């Protein structure tokens, strides 16, 4: 992971305001996911954080450029490489909401070995004994907004379920950018 991504959080007005008001009472967790790789070793998810105080979910996805180039040869396109959806389920998979990122940042170039995508999702309410959170990654084949199609995803990560360990963090150690 690049140095600039260590303890990196995409800030928003909502996050910044809550952090200033709550200070040490700002609740934030790091989630240790199982199965962090997808598409072989092409995609890897790390730095999964749940900012409970503002119901925000953030993560970093590492993309191995050489493996993605085999799938999408036009890495230089102005169209974003991927589309993302966060599926937040309660109890059963029939009761869920789908969220798109509210913010995202990209680090690295197509000529680097890896590129990194930091994603931020708002309105994520986790009930620790019931909720399952999954990230669906789609190739973005055009600049048209395509609807979520669960059968067409390229990668899927389970980011949180009732059995995943989480660690409470101090938000003051993070760079709010």
N, C-alpha and C. Protein backbone atom coordinates (compact mmCIF):
# COMPACT_ATOMS: atom_id res chain seq x y z
N UNK A 1 0.85 -1.18 0.00
CA UNK A 1 0.00 0.00 0.00
C UNK A 1 0.89 1.24 0.00
N UNK A 2 0.63 2.19 -0.88
CA UNK A 2 1.44 3.41 -0.90
C UNK A 2 1.35 4.18 0.42
N UNK A 3 2.41 4.89 0.71
CA UNK A 3 2.50 5.65 1.95
C UNK A 3 1.35 6.64 2.11
N UNK A 4 0.95 7.29 1.02
CA UNK A 4 -0.11 8.29 1.11
C UNK A 4 -1.47 7.69 1.45
N UNK A 5 -1.62 6.36 1.32
CA UNK A 5 -2.89 5.72 1.65
C UNK A 5 -2.93 5.16 3.06
N UNK A 6 -1.81 5.23 3.76
CA UNK A 6 -1.79 4.75 5.14
C UNK A 6 -2.62 5.73 5.98
N UNK A 7 -3.61 5.19 6.68
CA UNK A 7 -4.51 5.99 7.52
C UNK A 7 -5.21 7.09 6.72
N UNK A 8 -5.65 6.76 5.53
CA UNK A 8 -6.33 7.71 4.64
C UNK A 8 -7.84 7.50 4.70
N UNK A 9 -8.55 8.59 4.87
CA UNK A 9 -10.01 8.58 4.86
C UNK A 9 -10.46 9.70 3.93
N UNK A 10 -11.43 9.40 3.07
CA UNK A 10 -12.02 10.46 2.24
C UNK A 10 -12.98 11.23 3.15
N UNK A 11 -12.72 12.49 3.31
CA UNK A 11 -13.59 13.26 4.19
C UNK A 11 -14.75 13.87 3.40
N UNK A 12 -15.76 14.23 4.14
CA UNK A 12 -16.89 14.97 3.61
C UNK A 12 -17.25 15.99 4.69
N UNK A 13 -18.14 16.89 4.36
CA UNK A 13 -18.58 17.87 5.37
C UNK A 13 -19.19 17.16 6.58
N UNK A 14 -19.96 16.12 6.31
CA UNK A 14 -20.62 15.36 7.37
C UNK A 14 -19.59 14.70 8.29
N UNK A 15 -18.57 14.07 7.72
CA UNK A 15 -17.53 13.41 8.51
C UNK A 15 -16.73 14.43 9.31
N UNK A 16 -16.33 15.50 8.64
CA UNK A 16 -15.52 16.52 9.31
C UNK A 16 -16.28 17.17 10.47
N UNK A 17 -17.55 17.48 10.26
CA UNK A 17 -18.35 18.10 11.31
C UNK A 17 -18.52 17.16 12.50
N UNK A 18 -18.82 15.90 12.24
CA UNK A 18 -18.98 14.92 13.32
C UNK A 18 -17.68 14.71 14.08
N UNK A 19 -16.58 14.66 13.34
CA UNK A 19 -15.28 14.47 13.97
C UNK A 19 -14.93 15.64 14.89
N UNK A 20 -15.19 16.86 14.44
CA UNK A 20 -14.90 18.05 15.26
C UNK A 20 -15.80 18.11 16.49
N UNK A 21 -17.07 17.71 16.34
CA UNK A 21 -18.01 17.77 17.46
C UNK A 21 -17.82 16.64 18.46
N UNK A 22 -17.52 15.45 17.98
CA UNK A 22 -17.43 14.28 18.85
C UNK A 22 -16.03 14.04 19.42
N UNK A 23 -15.02 14.48 18.72
CA UNK A 23 -13.61 14.28 19.11
C UNK A 23 -13.34 12.82 19.49
N UNK A 24 -13.04 12.54 20.74
CA UNK A 24 -12.69 11.17 21.17
C UNK A 24 -13.88 10.22 21.17
N UNK A 25 -15.09 10.73 21.05
CA UNK A 25 -16.28 9.88 21.01
C UNK A 25 -16.65 9.46 19.59
N UNK A 26 -15.87 9.89 18.61
CA UNK A 26 -16.10 9.50 17.22
C UNK A 26 -15.81 8.01 17.09
N UNK A 27 -16.82 7.21 16.72
CA UNK A 27 -16.67 5.76 16.65
C UNK A 27 -16.30 5.34 15.23
N UNK A 28 -15.21 4.58 15.17
CA UNK A 28 -14.69 4.12 13.89
C UNK A 28 -14.09 2.73 14.09
N UNK A 29 -14.33 1.83 13.12
CA UNK A 29 -13.84 0.46 13.23
C UNK A 29 -13.11 0.04 11.97
N UNK A 30 -12.06 -0.75 12.16
CA UNK A 30 -11.38 -1.42 11.05
C UNK A 30 -11.92 -2.83 11.01
N UNK A 31 -12.30 -3.28 9.84
CA UNK A 31 -12.87 -4.62 9.68
C UNK A 31 -11.85 -5.49 8.95
N UNK A 32 -11.58 -6.65 9.53
CA UNK A 32 -10.65 -7.61 8.93
C UNK A 32 -11.45 -8.61 8.12
N UNK A 33 -11.45 -8.43 6.80
CA UNK A 33 -12.28 -9.29 5.95
C UNK A 33 -11.54 -10.58 5.60
N UNK A 34 -12.35 -11.60 5.32
CA UNK A 34 -11.83 -12.85 4.78
C UNK A 34 -11.99 -12.77 3.27
N UNK A 35 -11.15 -13.42 2.53
CA UNK A 35 -11.30 -13.44 1.08
C UNK A 35 -11.13 -12.08 0.46
N UNK A 36 -9.99 -11.46 0.71
CA UNK A 36 -9.74 -10.09 0.23
C UNK A 36 -9.37 -10.04 -1.25
N UNK A 37 -9.08 -11.19 -1.87
CA UNK A 37 -8.71 -11.23 -3.30
C UNK A 37 -9.91 -11.64 -4.14
N UNK A 38 -9.94 -11.14 -5.39
CA UNK A 38 -10.94 -11.56 -6.35
C UNK A 38 -10.33 -11.49 -7.74
N UNK A 39 -10.96 -12.18 -8.69
CA UNK A 39 -10.43 -12.28 -10.06
C UNK A 39 -8.98 -12.77 -10.00
N UNK A 40 -8.79 -13.87 -9.28
CA UNK A 40 -7.43 -14.36 -9.05
C UNK A 40 -6.75 -13.39 -8.11
N UNK A 41 -5.68 -12.76 -8.57
CA UNK A 41 -5.00 -11.76 -7.75
C UNK A 41 -5.13 -10.36 -8.35
N UNK A 42 -6.08 -10.18 -9.26
CA UNK A 42 -6.23 -8.89 -9.95
C UNK A 42 -6.74 -7.79 -9.03
N UNK A 43 -7.66 -8.12 -8.12
CA UNK A 43 -8.24 -7.14 -7.22
C UNK A 43 -8.03 -7.59 -5.77
N UNK A 44 -7.71 -6.63 -4.93
CA UNK A 44 -7.47 -6.90 -3.51
C UNK A 44 -8.07 -5.76 -2.71
N UNK A 45 -8.85 -6.08 -1.69
CA UNK A 45 -9.48 -5.07 -0.85
C UNK A 45 -8.79 -5.03 0.51
N UNK A 46 -8.49 -3.81 0.96
CA UNK A 46 -7.83 -3.60 2.24
C UNK A 46 -8.35 -2.29 2.83
N UNK A 47 -7.91 -1.98 4.02
CA UNK A 47 -8.29 -0.74 4.69
C UNK A 47 -9.80 -0.55 4.69
N UNK A 48 -10.51 -1.54 5.21
CA UNK A 48 -11.97 -1.48 5.29
C UNK A 48 -12.34 -0.83 6.62
N UNK A 49 -13.01 0.32 6.55
CA UNK A 49 -13.36 1.08 7.75
C UNK A 49 -14.85 1.37 7.78
N UNK A 50 -15.42 1.24 8.96
CA UNK A 50 -16.80 1.66 9.18
C UNK A 50 -16.77 2.82 10.16
N UNK A 51 -17.17 3.99 9.70
CA UNK A 51 -17.24 5.18 10.52
C UNK A 51 -18.65 5.23 11.09
N UNK A 52 -18.83 4.56 12.21
CA UNK A 52 -20.16 4.37 12.79
C UNK A 52 -20.84 5.69 13.14
N UNK A 53 -20.09 6.65 13.61
CA UNK A 53 -20.66 7.93 14.04
C UNK A 53 -21.35 8.68 12.90
N UNK A 54 -20.97 8.41 11.67
CA UNK A 54 -21.57 9.09 10.51
C UNK A 54 -22.17 8.10 9.51
N UNK A 55 -22.23 6.83 9.88
CA UNK A 55 -22.78 5.77 9.02
C UNK A 55 -22.14 5.80 7.63
N UNK A 56 -20.81 5.79 7.62
CA UNK A 56 -20.04 5.84 6.38
C UNK A 56 -19.14 4.60 6.33
N UNK A 57 -19.01 4.01 5.16
CA UNK A 57 -18.21 2.82 4.95
C UNK A 57 -17.16 3.14 3.90
N UNK A 58 -15.88 2.86 4.20
CA UNK A 58 -14.81 3.17 3.25
C UNK A 58 -13.89 1.97 3.09
N UNK A 59 -13.27 1.89 1.92
CA UNK A 59 -12.33 0.81 1.64
C UNK A 59 -11.37 1.23 0.54
N UNK A 60 -10.28 0.49 0.45
CA UNK A 60 -9.31 0.69 -0.63
C UNK A 60 -9.25 -0.60 -1.44
N UNK A 61 -9.37 -0.48 -2.76
CA UNK A 61 -9.24 -1.64 -3.64
C UNK A 61 -7.98 -1.46 -4.49
N UNK A 62 -7.11 -2.47 -4.43
CA UNK A 62 -5.89 -2.46 -5.25
C UNK A 62 -6.17 -3.23 -6.53
N UNK A 63 -5.79 -2.64 -7.64
CA UNK A 63 -6.03 -3.23 -8.95
C UNK A 63 -4.68 -3.53 -9.60
N UNK A 64 -4.44 -4.77 -9.97
CA UNK A 64 -3.21 -5.16 -10.66
C UNK A 64 -3.39 -4.85 -12.15
N UNK A 65 -2.71 -3.82 -12.62
CA UNK A 65 -2.93 -3.33 -13.98
C UNK A 65 -2.69 -4.39 -15.06
N UNK A 66 -1.68 -5.23 -14.91
CA UNK A 66 -1.39 -6.22 -15.95
C UNK A 66 -2.54 -7.22 -16.10
N UNK A 67 -3.20 -7.59 -15.01
CA UNK A 67 -4.30 -8.54 -15.09
C UNK A 67 -5.57 -7.88 -15.65
N UNK A 68 -5.80 -6.63 -15.29
CA UNK A 68 -6.97 -5.92 -15.79
C UNK A 68 -6.82 -5.60 -17.28
N UNK A 69 -5.59 -5.35 -17.72
CA UNK A 69 -5.35 -5.06 -19.14
C UNK A 69 -5.78 -6.22 -20.03
N UNK A 70 -5.72 -7.45 -19.51
CA UNK A 70 -6.17 -8.61 -20.27
C UNK A 70 -7.68 -8.61 -20.46
N UNK A 71 -8.39 -7.94 -19.56
CA UNK A 71 -9.86 -7.88 -19.62
C UNK A 71 -10.32 -6.64 -20.37
N UNK A 72 -9.67 -5.51 -20.07
CA UNK A 72 -10.05 -4.23 -20.67
C UNK A 72 -8.79 -3.59 -21.21
N UNK A 73 -8.58 -3.65 -22.52
CA UNK A 73 -7.32 -3.17 -23.11
C UNK A 73 -7.23 -1.65 -23.14
N UNK A 74 -8.34 -0.95 -22.92
CA UNK A 74 -8.32 0.51 -22.99
C UNK A 74 -8.23 1.11 -21.59
N UNK A 75 -7.09 0.88 -20.91
CA UNK A 75 -6.90 1.41 -19.57
C UNK A 75 -6.76 2.93 -19.56
N UNK A 76 -6.46 3.54 -20.71
CA UNK A 76 -6.27 4.98 -20.78
C UNK A 76 -7.58 5.74 -20.99
N UNK A 77 -8.67 5.03 -21.09
CA UNK A 77 -9.97 5.65 -21.36
C UNK A 77 -10.32 6.67 -20.28
N UNK A 78 -11.06 7.69 -20.69
CA UNK A 78 -11.55 8.67 -19.72
C UNK A 78 -12.72 8.13 -18.92
N UNK A 79 -13.32 7.07 -19.39
CA UNK A 79 -14.42 6.42 -18.67
C UNK A 79 -13.83 5.70 -17.47
N UNK A 80 -14.40 5.85 -16.28
CA UNK A 80 -13.89 5.11 -15.13
C UNK A 80 -13.86 3.60 -15.42
N UNK A 81 -12.84 2.94 -14.93
CA UNK A 81 -12.62 1.53 -15.21
C UNK A 81 -13.71 0.63 -14.61
N UNK A 82 -14.17 0.97 -13.41
CA UNK A 82 -15.12 0.13 -12.70
C UNK A 82 -16.35 0.92 -12.27
N UNK A 83 -17.44 0.17 -12.04
CA UNK A 83 -18.63 0.66 -11.34
C UNK A 83 -18.75 -0.16 -10.06
N UNK A 84 -19.21 0.47 -9.00
CA UNK A 84 -19.27 -0.20 -7.70
C UNK A 84 -20.66 -0.06 -7.10
N UNK A 85 -21.09 -1.11 -6.42
CA UNK A 85 -22.32 -1.09 -5.65
C UNK A 85 -22.06 -1.77 -4.32
N UNK A 86 -22.59 -1.19 -3.26
CA UNK A 86 -22.50 -1.78 -1.94
C UNK A 86 -23.88 -2.33 -1.60
N UNK A 87 -23.94 -3.62 -1.32
CA UNK A 87 -25.20 -4.26 -0.96
C UNK A 87 -25.19 -4.47 0.55
N UNK A 88 -26.14 -3.85 1.23
CA UNK A 88 -26.25 -3.94 2.69
C UNK A 88 -27.52 -4.74 2.99
N UNK A 89 -27.34 -5.95 3.54
CA UNK A 89 -28.46 -6.86 3.80
C UNK A 89 -28.71 -6.99 5.29
N UNK A 90 -29.97 -7.14 5.64
CA UNK A 90 -30.37 -7.42 7.02
C UNK A 90 -31.01 -8.79 7.07
N UNK A 91 -30.53 -9.63 7.97
CA UNK A 91 -31.07 -10.97 8.20
C UNK A 91 -31.09 -11.87 6.96
N UNK A 92 -31.91 -11.52 5.99
CA UNK A 92 -32.03 -12.34 4.78
C UNK A 92 -31.69 -11.48 3.57
N UNK A 93 -31.24 -12.12 2.52
CA UNK A 93 -30.83 -11.38 1.33
C UNK A 93 -31.97 -10.68 0.60
N UNK A 94 -33.20 -10.98 0.95
CA UNK A 94 -34.31 -10.31 0.27
C UNK A 94 -34.56 -8.91 0.84
N UNK A 95 -34.02 -8.61 2.01
CA UNK A 95 -34.17 -7.30 2.63
C UNK A 95 -32.83 -6.58 2.58
N UNK A 96 -32.63 -5.78 1.51
CA UNK A 96 -31.34 -5.12 1.35
C UNK A 96 -31.50 -3.77 0.67
N UNK A 97 -30.42 -2.96 0.77
CA UNK A 97 -30.36 -1.71 0.03
C UNK A 97 -29.09 -1.72 -0.82
N UNK A 98 -29.12 -1.03 -1.93
CA UNK A 98 -27.96 -0.91 -2.82
C UNK A 98 -27.49 0.53 -2.77
N UNK A 99 -26.19 0.71 -2.59
CA UNK A 99 -25.61 2.05 -2.51
C UNK A 99 -24.50 2.20 -3.54
N UNK A 100 -24.40 3.39 -4.10
CA UNK A 100 -23.29 3.72 -4.98
C UNK A 100 -22.34 4.62 -4.20
N UNK A 101 -21.06 4.67 -4.58
CA UNK A 101 -20.12 5.52 -3.85
C UNK A 101 -20.54 6.99 -3.89
N UNK A 102 -20.36 7.67 -2.76
CA UNK A 102 -20.60 9.11 -2.73
C UNK A 102 -19.31 9.86 -3.07
N UNK A 103 -18.19 9.22 -2.82
CA UNK A 103 -16.88 9.78 -3.16
C UNK A 103 -15.95 8.65 -3.55
N UNK A 104 -15.01 8.95 -4.42
CA UNK A 104 -13.97 7.99 -4.75
C UNK A 104 -12.72 8.73 -5.19
N UNK A 105 -11.59 8.13 -4.88
CA UNK A 105 -10.30 8.68 -5.28
C UNK A 105 -9.49 7.57 -5.92
N UNK A 106 -8.67 7.92 -6.89
CA UNK A 106 -7.79 6.96 -7.55
C UNK A 106 -6.35 7.40 -7.37
N UNK A 107 -5.47 6.43 -7.16
CA UNK A 107 -4.04 6.68 -7.00
C UNK A 107 -3.28 5.75 -7.93
N UNK A 108 -2.27 6.28 -8.58
CA UNK A 108 -1.47 5.49 -9.50
C UNK A 108 -1.90 5.71 -10.93
N UNK A 109 -1.06 5.21 -11.85
CA UNK A 109 -1.32 5.35 -13.29
C UNK A 109 -1.42 3.97 -13.91
N UNK A 110 -1.92 3.94 -15.15
CA UNK A 110 -2.04 2.66 -15.85
C UNK A 110 -0.69 2.03 -16.14
N UNK A 111 0.40 2.80 -16.08
CA UNK A 111 1.74 2.26 -16.31
C UNK A 111 2.37 1.72 -15.02
N UNK A 112 1.78 2.01 -13.87
CA UNK A 112 2.27 1.46 -12.60
C UNK A 112 1.87 0.00 -12.49
N UNK A 113 2.49 -0.70 -11.58
CA UNK A 113 2.12 -2.10 -11.35
C UNK A 113 0.69 -2.19 -10.80
N UNK A 114 0.36 -1.27 -9.89
CA UNK A 114 -0.96 -1.27 -9.27
C UNK A 114 -1.57 0.11 -9.34
N UNK A 115 -2.92 0.15 -9.34
CA UNK A 115 -3.66 1.36 -9.09
C UNK A 115 -4.55 1.09 -7.88
N UNK A 116 -4.84 2.14 -7.16
CA UNK A 116 -5.63 2.02 -5.93
C UNK A 116 -6.86 2.90 -6.05
N UNK A 117 -7.99 2.36 -5.63
CA UNK A 117 -9.25 3.08 -5.65
C UNK A 117 -9.81 3.10 -4.23
N UNK A 118 -9.99 4.30 -3.70
CA UNK A 118 -10.57 4.47 -2.38
C UNK A 118 -12.03 4.86 -2.58
N UNK A 119 -12.92 4.12 -1.94
CA UNK A 119 -14.35 4.32 -2.11
C UNK A 119 -15.00 4.67 -0.78
N UNK A 120 -15.98 5.56 -0.84
CA UNK A 120 -16.71 5.99 0.35
C UNK A 120 -18.20 5.88 0.08
N UNK A 121 -18.93 5.24 1.01
CA UNK A 121 -20.38 5.05 0.88
C UNK A 121 -21.07 5.64 2.11
N UNK A 122 -22.08 6.45 1.89
CA UNK A 122 -22.87 7.02 2.99
C UNK A 122 -24.12 6.19 3.24
N UNK A 123 -24.75 6.47 4.38
CA UNK A 123 -26.02 5.85 4.78
C UNK A 123 -25.92 4.34 4.97
N UNK A 124 -24.78 3.88 5.48
CA UNK A 124 -24.59 2.46 5.77
C UNK A 124 -24.86 2.25 7.25
N UNK A 125 -25.96 1.58 7.54
CA UNK A 125 -26.34 1.30 8.92
C UNK A 125 -26.06 -0.17 9.20
N UNK A 126 -25.14 -0.43 10.11
CA UNK A 126 -24.78 -1.81 10.43
C UNK A 126 -25.33 -2.17 11.80
N UNK A 127 -26.13 -3.22 11.82
CA UNK A 127 -26.52 -3.87 13.06
C UNK A 127 -25.57 -5.07 13.16
N UNK A 128 -24.66 -5.02 14.11
CA UNK A 128 -23.55 -5.96 14.14
C UNK A 128 -23.98 -7.43 14.21
N UNK A 129 -25.13 -7.74 14.76
CA UNK A 129 -25.57 -9.12 14.88
C UNK A 129 -26.42 -9.57 13.69
N UNK A 130 -26.68 -8.67 12.72
CA UNK A 130 -27.60 -9.02 11.64
C UNK A 130 -27.12 -8.68 10.24
N UNK A 131 -26.25 -7.70 10.10
CA UNK A 131 -25.97 -7.10 8.79
C UNK A 131 -24.86 -7.84 8.03
N UNK A 132 -25.03 -7.86 6.72
CA UNK A 132 -24.00 -8.34 5.80
C UNK A 132 -23.78 -7.25 4.76
N UNK A 133 -22.50 -6.92 4.51
CA UNK A 133 -22.15 -5.88 3.55
C UNK A 133 -21.28 -6.50 2.47
N UNK A 134 -21.68 -6.32 1.20
CA UNK A 134 -20.94 -6.86 0.07
C UNK A 134 -20.65 -5.77 -0.94
N UNK A 135 -19.46 -5.83 -1.53
CA UNK A 135 -19.08 -4.92 -2.60
C UNK A 135 -19.14 -5.68 -3.92
N UNK A 136 -19.88 -5.12 -4.89
CA UNK A 136 -19.94 -5.68 -6.23
C UNK A 136 -19.15 -4.76 -7.16
N UNK A 137 -18.28 -5.34 -7.96
CA UNK A 137 -17.44 -4.59 -8.89
C UNK A 137 -17.81 -5.02 -10.31
N UNK A 138 -18.12 -4.04 -11.15
CA UNK A 138 -18.47 -4.28 -12.55
C UNK A 138 -17.46 -3.56 -13.43
N UNK A 139 -17.18 -4.09 -14.59
CA UNK A 139 -16.40 -3.36 -15.58
C UNK A 139 -17.31 -2.26 -16.12
N UNK A 140 -16.77 -1.11 -16.31
CA UNK A 140 -17.55 0.01 -16.84
C UNK A 140 -17.29 0.08 -18.34
N UNK A 141 -18.13 -0.57 -19.11
CA UNK A 141 -17.93 -0.69 -20.55
C UNK A 141 -18.31 0.54 -21.34
N UNK A 142 -19.07 1.45 -20.73
CA UNK A 142 -19.48 2.65 -21.44
C UNK A 142 -19.69 3.77 -20.44
N UNK A 143 -19.95 4.95 -20.95
CA UNK A 143 -20.22 6.06 -20.04
C UNK A 143 -21.69 6.12 -19.64
N UNK A 144 -22.50 5.17 -20.13
CA UNK A 144 -23.90 5.10 -19.73
C UNK A 144 -23.99 4.50 -18.33
N UNK A 145 -24.89 5.02 -17.54
CA UNK A 145 -25.12 4.47 -16.21
C UNK A 145 -25.92 3.18 -16.36
N UNK A 146 -25.31 2.10 -16.01
CA UNK A 146 -25.99 0.81 -16.10
C UNK A 146 -26.58 0.45 -14.75
N UNK A 147 -27.70 -0.21 -14.77
CA UNK A 147 -28.34 -0.64 -13.54
C UNK A 147 -27.58 -1.83 -12.96
N UNK A 148 -27.75 -2.05 -11.69
CA UNK A 148 -27.14 -3.18 -11.00
C UNK A 148 -27.72 -4.48 -11.55
N UNK A 149 -26.85 -5.37 -11.97
CA UNK A 149 -27.26 -6.69 -12.44
C UNK A 149 -26.39 -7.72 -11.74
N UNK A 150 -26.95 -8.38 -10.75
CA UNK A 150 -26.18 -9.29 -9.90
C UNK A 150 -25.51 -10.42 -10.68
N UNK A 151 -25.99 -10.73 -11.86
CA UNK A 151 -25.40 -11.81 -12.65
C UNK A 151 -24.22 -11.36 -13.50
N UNK A 152 -23.96 -10.06 -13.56
CA UNK A 152 -22.95 -9.53 -14.47
C UNK A 152 -21.69 -8.99 -13.78
N UNK A 153 -21.56 -9.19 -12.47
CA UNK A 153 -20.41 -8.62 -11.78
C UNK A 153 -19.12 -9.34 -12.13
N UNK A 154 -18.01 -8.61 -12.03
CA UNK A 154 -16.68 -9.21 -12.25
C UNK A 154 -16.04 -9.65 -10.95
N UNK A 155 -16.37 -8.97 -9.85
CA UNK A 155 -15.82 -9.33 -8.54
C UNK A 155 -16.84 -9.01 -7.47
N UNK A 156 -16.80 -9.82 -6.42
CA UNK A 156 -17.67 -9.57 -5.27
C UNK A 156 -16.87 -9.87 -4.00
N UNK A 157 -16.98 -8.96 -3.05
CA UNK A 157 -16.28 -9.11 -1.77
C UNK A 157 -17.29 -9.01 -0.64
N UNK A 158 -17.21 -9.92 0.31
CA UNK A 158 -17.98 -9.77 1.54
C UNK A 158 -17.13 -8.93 2.47
N UNK A 159 -17.60 -7.72 2.75
CA UNK A 159 -16.83 -6.76 3.55
C UNK A 159 -17.16 -6.84 5.03
N UNK A 160 -18.37 -7.28 5.34
CA UNK A 160 -18.75 -7.43 6.74
C UNK A 160 -19.85 -8.46 6.86
N UNK A 161 -19.73 -9.32 7.86
CA UNK A 161 -20.81 -10.18 8.31
C UNK A 161 -20.63 -10.37 9.82
N UNK A 162 -21.53 -11.09 10.44
CA UNK A 162 -21.52 -11.17 11.91
C UNK A 162 -20.27 -11.84 12.47
N UNK A 163 -19.55 -12.61 11.66
CA UNK A 163 -18.38 -13.33 12.14
C UNK A 163 -17.05 -12.62 11.89
N UNK A 164 -17.07 -11.49 11.22
CA UNK A 164 -15.82 -10.80 10.92
C UNK A 164 -15.36 -9.95 12.09
N UNK A 165 -14.08 -10.08 12.43
CA UNK A 165 -13.58 -9.27 13.55
C UNK A 165 -13.46 -7.80 13.16
N UNK A 166 -13.71 -6.96 14.14
CA UNK A 166 -13.57 -5.52 13.95
C UNK A 166 -12.79 -4.97 15.13
N UNK A 167 -12.05 -3.91 14.88
CA UNK A 167 -11.22 -3.28 15.90
C UNK A 167 -11.58 -1.80 15.97
N UNK A 168 -11.85 -1.31 17.17
CA UNK A 168 -12.15 0.11 17.34
C UNK A 168 -10.87 0.90 17.14
N UNK A 169 -10.96 2.00 16.40
CA UNK A 169 -9.81 2.85 16.09
C UNK A 169 -10.01 4.25 16.62
N UNK A 170 -8.89 4.95 16.79
CA UNK A 170 -8.94 6.36 17.14
C UNK A 170 -8.87 7.16 15.85
N UNK A 171 -9.89 7.92 15.60
CA UNK A 171 -9.96 8.68 14.36
C UNK A 171 -8.85 9.73 14.24
N UNK A 172 -8.31 10.18 15.35
CA UNK A 172 -7.28 11.21 15.29
C UNK A 172 -5.99 10.74 14.62
N UNK A 173 -5.84 9.42 14.43
CA UNK A 173 -4.66 8.89 13.75
C UNK A 173 -4.80 8.92 12.24
N UNK A 174 -5.96 9.35 11.76
CA UNK A 174 -6.24 9.31 10.33
C UNK A 174 -6.15 10.69 9.70
N UNK A 175 -5.70 10.69 8.46
CA UNK A 175 -5.65 11.92 7.67
C UNK A 175 -6.99 12.07 6.97
N UNK A 176 -7.75 13.07 7.34
CA UNK A 176 -9.02 13.32 6.69
C UNK A 176 -8.75 14.20 5.48
N UNK A 177 -8.85 13.62 4.29
CA UNK A 177 -8.52 14.34 3.04
C UNK A 177 -9.74 14.61 2.21
